[in-house]
Every structure is written in C-alpha cells, then in structure tokens.
Protein backbone atom coordinates (compact mmCIF):
# COMPACT_ATOMS: atom_id res chain seq x y z
CA UNK A 1 6.37 11.02 8.11
CA UNK A 2 6.78 8.89 11.56
CA UNK A 3 8.48 5.70 10.26
CA UNK A 4 7.92 3.67 13.21
CA UNK A 5 3.81 4.55 13.09
CA UNK A 6 3.60 3.73 9.57
CA UNK A 7 5.43 0.29 10.23
CA UNK A 8 3.24 -0.31 13.27
CA UNK A 9 -0.47 0.43 11.10
CA UNK A 10 0.75 -1.98 8.70
CA UNK A 11 1.24 -4.58 11.38
CA UNK A 12 -2.25 -3.52 12.14
CA UNK A 13 -3.55 -3.36 8.82
CA UNK A 14 -2.33 -7.46 8.48
CA UNK A 15 -2.89 -8.90 12.24
CA UNK A 16 0.55 -9.02 12.46
CA UNK A 17 2.28 -8.86 16.08
CA UNK A 18 6.32 -8.13 16.41
CA UNK A 19 6.93 -11.77 15.92
CA UNK A 20 5.29 -12.29 12.63
CA UNK A 21 7.15 -9.45 11.21
CA UNK A 22 10.44 -10.70 12.57
CA UNK A 23 9.22 -13.95 10.96
CA UNK A 24 8.55 -12.11 7.51
CA UNK A 25 11.47 -9.85 7.45
CA UNK A 26 14.04 -12.33 8.88
CA UNK A 27 14.99 -9.59 10.99
CA UNK A 28 15.27 -10.69 15.03
CA UNK A 29 12.27 -9.96 17.23
CA UNK A 30 14.83 -8.06 19.36
CA UNK A 31 15.46 -5.66 16.25
CA UNK A 32 11.87 -4.79 15.61
CA UNK A 33 11.26 -4.42 19.68
CA UNK A 34 14.14 -2.12 20.55
CA UNK A 35 13.19 0.02 17.19
CA UNK A 36 9.51 0.65 19.48
CA UNK A 37 11.12 0.54 22.92
CA UNK A 38 13.70 2.62 22.03
CA UNK A 39 12.26 4.76 19.55
CA UNK A 40 15.12 4.13 17.08
CA UNK A 41 14.93 5.35 13.62
CA UNK A 42 16.03 2.23 11.59
CA UNK A 43 18.59 2.05 9.14
CA UNK A 44 17.98 1.68 5.56
CA UNK A 45 18.23 -1.81 5.37
CA UNK A 46 15.44 -2.76 8.13
CA UNK A 47 12.74 -0.84 6.24
CA UNK A 48 13.67 -2.50 2.99
CA UNK A 49 13.30 -5.61 4.81
CA UNK A 50 10.06 -4.43 5.88
CA UNK A 51 8.49 -3.50 3.10
CA UNK A 52 9.53 -6.81 1.56
CA UNK A 53 7.60 -8.57 4.15
CA UNK A 54 4.76 -6.14 3.33
CA UNK A 55 5.29 -6.30 -0.50
CA UNK A 56 5.48 -2.76 -0.88
CA UNK A 57 8.56 -0.85 -2.52
CA UNK A 58 10.11 1.87 -0.33
CA UNK A 59 8.82 4.49 -2.49
CA UNK A 60 5.25 3.32 -1.60
CA UNK A 61 6.23 3.30 2.03
CA UNK A 62 7.72 6.55 2.19
CA UNK A 63 4.91 8.25 0.12
CA UNK A 64 1.46 9.48 1.51
CA UNK A 65 -0.43 7.73 -1.37
CA UNK A 66 -1.82 5.00 1.30
CA UNK A 67 -3.93 7.56 3.08
CA UNK A 68 -7.81 7.39 2.47
CA UNK A 69 -9.38 8.96 -0.03
CA UNK A 70 -12.71 10.95 0.74
CA UNK A 71 -14.28 9.17 -2.35
CA UNK A 72 -16.59 6.18 -2.98
CA UNK A 73 -16.19 3.95 -5.79
CA UNK A 74 -18.89 5.43 -7.28
CA UNK A 75 -17.55 9.15 -6.94
CA UNK A 76 -13.66 7.49 -8.27
CA UNK A 77 -15.73 5.71 -11.36
CA UNK A 78 -16.97 9.35 -11.86
CA UNK A 79 -13.77 11.38 -11.65
CA UNK A 80 -12.09 8.94 -14.17
CA UNK A 81 -15.03 8.56 -16.40
CA UNK A 82 -15.93 5.04 -16.49
CA UNK A 83 -18.72 3.22 -15.12
CA UNK A 84 -18.86 1.84 -11.24
CA UNK A 85 -18.95 -1.82 -12.78
CA UNK A 86 -16.05 -1.23 -14.42
CA UNK A 87 -14.67 -0.05 -11.52
CA UNK A 88 -15.44 -3.07 -9.86
CA UNK A 89 -14.36 -5.53 -12.80
CA UNK A 90 -10.80 -3.78 -12.52
CA UNK A 91 -10.43 -4.08 -8.61
CA UNK A 92 -11.14 -7.51 -8.92
CA UNK A 93 -8.91 -8.37 -12.56
CA UNK A 94 -11.75 -8.97 -14.73
CA UNK A 95 -10.77 -6.03 -17.23
CA UNK A 96 -7.51 -4.60 -17.85
CA UNK A 97 -7.64 -0.26 -18.13
CA UNK A 98 -6.25 1.65 -21.12
CA UNK A 99 -3.57 3.87 -20.72
CA UNK A 100 -5.98 6.49 -20.25
CA UNK A 101 -8.05 5.03 -17.49
CA UNK A 102 -4.61 3.76 -15.57
CA UNK A 103 -3.26 7.55 -15.93
CA UNK A 104 -6.36 8.79 -14.76
CA UNK A 105 -7.16 6.13 -11.63
CA UNK A 106 -3.43 6.65 -10.77
CA UNK A 107 -3.77 10.64 -10.89
CA UNK A 108 -6.79 10.17 -8.70
CA UNK A 109 -5.26 7.50 -6.07
CA UNK A 110 -2.25 9.63 -5.81
CA UNK A 111 -0.09 7.05 -7.50
CA UNK A 112 2.04 7.10 -10.18
CA UNK A 113 1.12 4.24 -13.05
CA UNK A 114 4.72 2.68 -11.87
CA UNK A 115 2.91 2.11 -8.42
CA UNK A 116 -0.04 1.21 -9.78
CA UNK A 117 2.00 -1.97 -12.10
CA UNK A 118 4.35 -2.95 -9.67
CA UNK A 119 4.41 -6.25 -8.90
CA UNK A 120 2.81 -5.78 -5.23
CA UNK A 121 0.53 -2.98 -6.31
CA UNK A 122 -0.43 -5.77 -8.93
CA UNK A 123 -0.95 -9.14 -6.84
CA UNK A 124 -3.05 -6.75 -4.33
CA UNK A 125 -5.18 -4.61 -6.62
CA UNK A 126 -8.24 -5.03 -4.77
CA UNK A 127 -6.52 -4.55 -1.06
CA UNK A 128 -4.99 -1.37 -2.90
CA UNK A 129 -8.14 0.29 -3.74
CA UNK A 130 -10.07 -0.91 -0.40
CA UNK A 131 -7.50 1.45 1.27
CA UNK A 132 -7.59 4.66 -1.17
CA UNK A 133 -11.40 4.70 -1.35
CA UNK A 134 -13.76 4.20 1.09
C-alpha cells in the first residue's frame, strides 16, 4: 500500500486540497505539502490525524476493504439472501440488519462487523456502501 497515494485518493474523493486537509487535521500545511514533495512516509501521529479528519479508523485506512467490488446492489443482495429493497433500506438506515445479515454483509464487503459498526461507518453507511458496491 502506498500511504501517500491513499491519502491523496481520499482527498480527491472528498474534494479536499492540502489546505482543507491541514485545517481538518490540525496539521500545518507545510507538513502535508512536505509529505508529497519529499515523498516522506509519515510517522504514526500524522496518519492518525488524517484518519480522524476523514472519519475512519487506522484499521480502515490500512485495510483494502475500501476497494470497489465488482458487484451491483442486486448481486450483493442476492449473495446475502435479502431483497434489493431491504438492502436499500439498510443503506439509508431505515432498517437494522439481523446479526446473520450483518455478518454476511461484512463478509461480502470484505469488512469486519466492527468496521460496519464503528462510528465512522455508521455515520457514513450510505457513503461506505457506494464505495464498496458499484
């Protein structure tokens, strides 16, 4: 995993420039700029601040679970044996999944149940599903 590319990708997903990232993290803009200009691998506090700003955990940042899957919502619903409508209701938090559905959903999205329940994922359920399901 290229940490700097991952940070840049997450900035682009959010339409954040280096100044916005610096403001959101509390890091100096020069710290962000020097990461890219010098191709430095950041020390742990820097990615932690960046993850906090993005609303994700370090585990989520370093996992490959945010890579898009080659699945439609219909295919995902079929794989976890629920209707597409029920999946859409989960996506907009109109329904709460059973433990079995939650486990199957996590498995199909290459995530842990903890990741799905984490505060960042819970607040951004729809965003996460759009990242993981085409």
